[in-house]
């Protein structure tokens, strides 16, 4: 069975969510409800578009030349660990493709 993840949005060429230039995947779903949350629109689970890890990596590869030695993919939220299998596969697939 192919793993799919609920993704709220994608930000290309981000510079605030990690070192270097980042491709940021904002996952959908969070049950923490922190009062200081910057992304409350991501709280509800299963209410956004689904992607496979391969689809996300294919999108990110378009921006690879901007990553340099410090950039790459960042997964944010919502709470990414609610979709841990998707996130694990995303980074495993990305590692294989980068080699």
C-alpha atoms as a PDB file:
ATOM      1  CA  UNK A   1       0.000   0.000   0.000  1.00  0.00           C
ATOM      2  CA  UNK A   2       1.314   3.415  -0.954  1.00  0.00           C
ATOM      3  CA  UNK A   3       1.719   5.855   1.938  1.00  0.00           C
ATOM      4  CA  UNK A   4       0.170   9.270   1.502  1.00  0.00           C
ATOM      5  CA  UNK A   5       0.356  12.257   3.804  1.00  0.00           C
ATOM      6  CA  UNK A   6      -1.985  15.176   4.347  1.00  0.00           C
ATOM      7  CA  UNK A   7      -0.097  18.365   3.427  1.00  0.00           C
ATOM      8  CA  UNK A   8      -1.456  21.793   4.307  1.00  0.00           C
ATOM      9  CA  UNK A   9       0.974  23.748   2.147  1.00  0.00           C
ATOM     10  CA  UNK A  10       4.444  23.858   0.661  1.00  0.00           C
ATOM     11  CA  UNK A  11       6.841  26.786   0.815  1.00  0.00           C
ATOM     12  CA  UNK A  12       9.665  26.866  -1.690  1.00  0.00           C
ATOM     13  CA  UNK A  13      12.906  28.723  -1.063  1.00  0.00           C
ATOM     14  CA  UNK A  14      12.276  29.297   2.656  1.00  0.00           C
ATOM     15  CA  UNK A  15      15.080  30.780   4.743  1.00  0.00           C
ATOM     16  CA  UNK A  16      13.635  30.794   8.266  1.00  0.00           C
ATOM     17  CA  UNK A  17      12.936  27.105   9.004  1.00  0.00           C
ATOM     18  CA  UNK A  18      16.430  25.628   9.098  1.00  0.00           C
ATOM     19  CA  UNK A  19      19.907  26.244   7.739  1.00  0.00           C
ATOM     20  CA  UNK A  20      20.332  27.364   4.160  1.00  0.00           C
ATOM     21  CA  UNK A  21      17.497  27.549   1.658  1.00  0.00           C
ATOM     22  CA  UNK A  22      14.704  25.113   2.513  1.00  0.00           C
ATOM     23  CA  UNK A  23      11.772  23.409   0.809  1.00  0.00           C
ATOM     24  CA  UNK A  24       9.218  23.394   3.635  1.00  0.00           C
ATOM     25  CA  UNK A  25       6.351  20.918   3.832  1.00  0.00           C
ATOM     26  CA  UNK A  26       3.658  21.990   6.313  1.00  0.00           C
ATOM     27  CA  UNK A  27       1.832  18.851   7.392  1.00  0.00           C
ATOM     28  CA  UNK A  28      -1.877  18.852   8.238  1.00  0.00           C
ATOM     29  CA  UNK A  29      -3.036  17.761  11.670  1.00  0.00           C
ATOM     30  CA  UNK A  30      -2.126  18.603  15.260  1.00  0.00           C
ATOM     31  CA  UNK A  31      -3.802  17.696  18.533  1.00  0.00           C
ATOM     32  CA  UNK A  32      -1.624  19.845  20.816  1.00  0.00           C
ATOM     33  CA  UNK A  33      -3.547  23.148  20.421  1.00  0.00           C
ATOM     34  CA  UNK A  34      -0.691  25.320  21.713  1.00  0.00           C
ATOM     35  CA  UNK A  35      -1.748  28.863  22.530  1.00  0.00           C
ATOM     36  CA  UNK A  36       1.276  30.263  20.693  1.00  0.00           C
ATOM     37  CA  UNK A  37       0.718  28.203  17.509  1.00  0.00           C
ATOM     38  CA  UNK A  38       1.716  29.988  14.307  1.00  0.00           C
ATOM     39  CA  UNK A  39      -0.325  27.609  12.100  1.00  0.00           C
ATOM     40  CA  UNK A  40      -3.728  26.908  13.710  1.00  0.00           C
ATOM     41  CA  UNK A  41      -5.156  26.241  10.237  1.00  0.00           C
ATOM     42  CA  UNK A  42      -3.164  23.004  10.292  1.00  0.00           C
ATOM     43  CA  UNK A  43      -4.884  21.548  13.391  1.00  0.00           C
ATOM     44  CA  UNK A  44      -7.683  19.582  11.713  1.00  0.00           C
ATOM     45  CA  UNK A  45      -6.485  16.233  10.370  1.00  0.00           C
ATOM     46  CA  UNK A  46      -7.462  14.844   6.950  1.00  0.00           C
ATOM     47  CA  UNK A  47      -8.689  18.152   5.547  1.00  0.00           C
ATOM     48  CA  UNK A  48      -6.128  18.906   2.896  1.00  0.00           C
ATOM     49  CA  UNK A  49      -4.486  17.520  -0.223  1.00  0.00           C
ATOM     50  CA  UNK A  50      -2.692  14.198  -0.039  1.00  0.00           C
ATOM     51  CA  UNK A  51       0.739  13.539  -1.514  1.00  0.00           C
ATOM     52  CA  UNK A  52       3.033  10.541  -1.727  1.00  0.00           C
ATOM     53  CA  UNK A  53       6.608  10.975  -0.488  1.00  0.00           C
ATOM     54  CA  UNK A  54       7.793  10.581  -4.083  1.00  0.00           C
ATOM     55  CA  UNK A  55       5.574  13.481  -5.218  1.00  0.00           C
ATOM     56  CA  UNK A  56       7.028  15.755  -2.526  1.00  0.00           C
ATOM     57  CA  UNK A  57      10.616  14.839  -3.414  1.00  0.00           C
ATOM     58  CA  UNK A  58       9.912  15.414  -7.111  1.00  0.00           C
ATOM     59  CA  UNK A  59       8.644  18.915  -6.292  1.00  0.00           C
ATOM     60  CA  UNK A  60      11.656  19.617  -4.054  1.00  0.00           C
ATOM     61  CA  UNK A  61      14.131  18.494  -6.696  1.00  0.00           C
ATOM     62  CA  UNK A  62      13.131  21.452  -8.859  1.00  0.00           C
ATOM     63  CA  UNK A  63      14.787  23.706  -6.220  1.00  0.00           C
ATOM     64  CA  UNK A  64      17.820  21.548  -5.402  1.00  0.00           C
ATOM     65  CA  UNK A  65      20.321  23.932  -7.030  1.00  0.00           C
ATOM     66  CA  UNK A  66      19.320  26.625  -4.508  1.00  0.00           C
ATOM     67  CA  UNK A  67      19.901  24.393  -1.438  1.00  0.00           C
ATOM     68  CA  UNK A  68      23.695  24.570  -1.548  1.00  0.00           C
ATOM     69  CA  UNK A  69      25.464  22.519   1.131  1.00  0.00           C
ATOM     70  CA  UNK A  70      23.203  23.554   4.032  1.00  0.00           C
ATOM     71  CA  UNK A  71      19.705  23.607   2.549  1.00  0.00           C
ATOM     72  CA  UNK A  72      17.169  20.865   1.946  1.00  0.00           C
ATOM     73  CA  UNK A  73      13.717  19.723   2.997  1.00  0.00           C
ATOM     74  CA  UNK A  74      12.089  20.751   6.288  1.00  0.00           C
ATOM     75  CA  UNK A  75       8.876  19.155   7.541  1.00  0.00           C
ATOM     76  CA  UNK A  76       6.825  21.400   9.802  1.00  0.00           C
ATOM     77  CA  UNK A  77       3.257  21.474  10.961  1.00  0.00           C
ATOM     78  CA  UNK A  78       0.818  20.888  12.246  1.00  0.00           C
ATOM     79  CA  UNK A  79       2.501  18.028  14.034  1.00  0.00           C
ATOM     80  CA  UNK A  80       4.557  15.945  11.588  1.00  0.00           C
ATOM     81  CA  UNK A  81       4.753  12.984  13.973  1.00  0.00           C
ATOM     82  CA  UNK A  82       1.006  12.391  13.603  1.00  0.00           C
ATOM     83  CA  UNK A  83       2.005  11.165  10.144  1.00  0.00           C
ATOM     84  CA  UNK A  84       5.330   9.607  11.148  1.00  0.00           C
ATOM     85  CA  UNK A  85       5.238   6.808   8.560  1.00  0.00           C
ATOM     86  CA  UNK A  86       4.837   9.360   5.771  1.00  0.00           C
ATOM     87  CA  UNK A  87       7.640  11.574   7.109  1.00  0.00           C
ATOM     88  CA  UNK A  88      10.005   8.611   7.538  1.00  0.00           C
ATOM     89  CA  UNK A  89       9.354   7.440   3.992  1.00  0.00           C
ATOM     90  CA  UNK A  90       9.734  10.987   2.666  1.00  0.00           C
ATOM     91  CA  UNK A  91      13.232  11.282   4.101  1.00  0.00           C
ATOM     92  CA  UNK A  92      14.201   7.731   3.126  1.00  0.00           C
ATOM     93  CA  UNK A  93      13.082   8.368  -0.449  1.00  0.00           C
ATOM     94  CA  UNK A  94      14.842  11.730  -0.501  1.00  0.00           C
ATOM     95  CA  UNK A  95      18.082  10.156   0.710  1.00  0.00           C
ATOM     96  CA  UNK A  96      17.986   7.511  -2.009  1.00  0.00           C
ATOM     97  CA  UNK A  97      17.254  10.093  -4.695  1.00  0.00           C
ATOM     98  CA  UNK A  98      20.040  12.393  -3.480  1.00  0.00           C
ATOM     99  CA  UNK A  99      22.715   9.672  -3.710  1.00  0.00           C
END
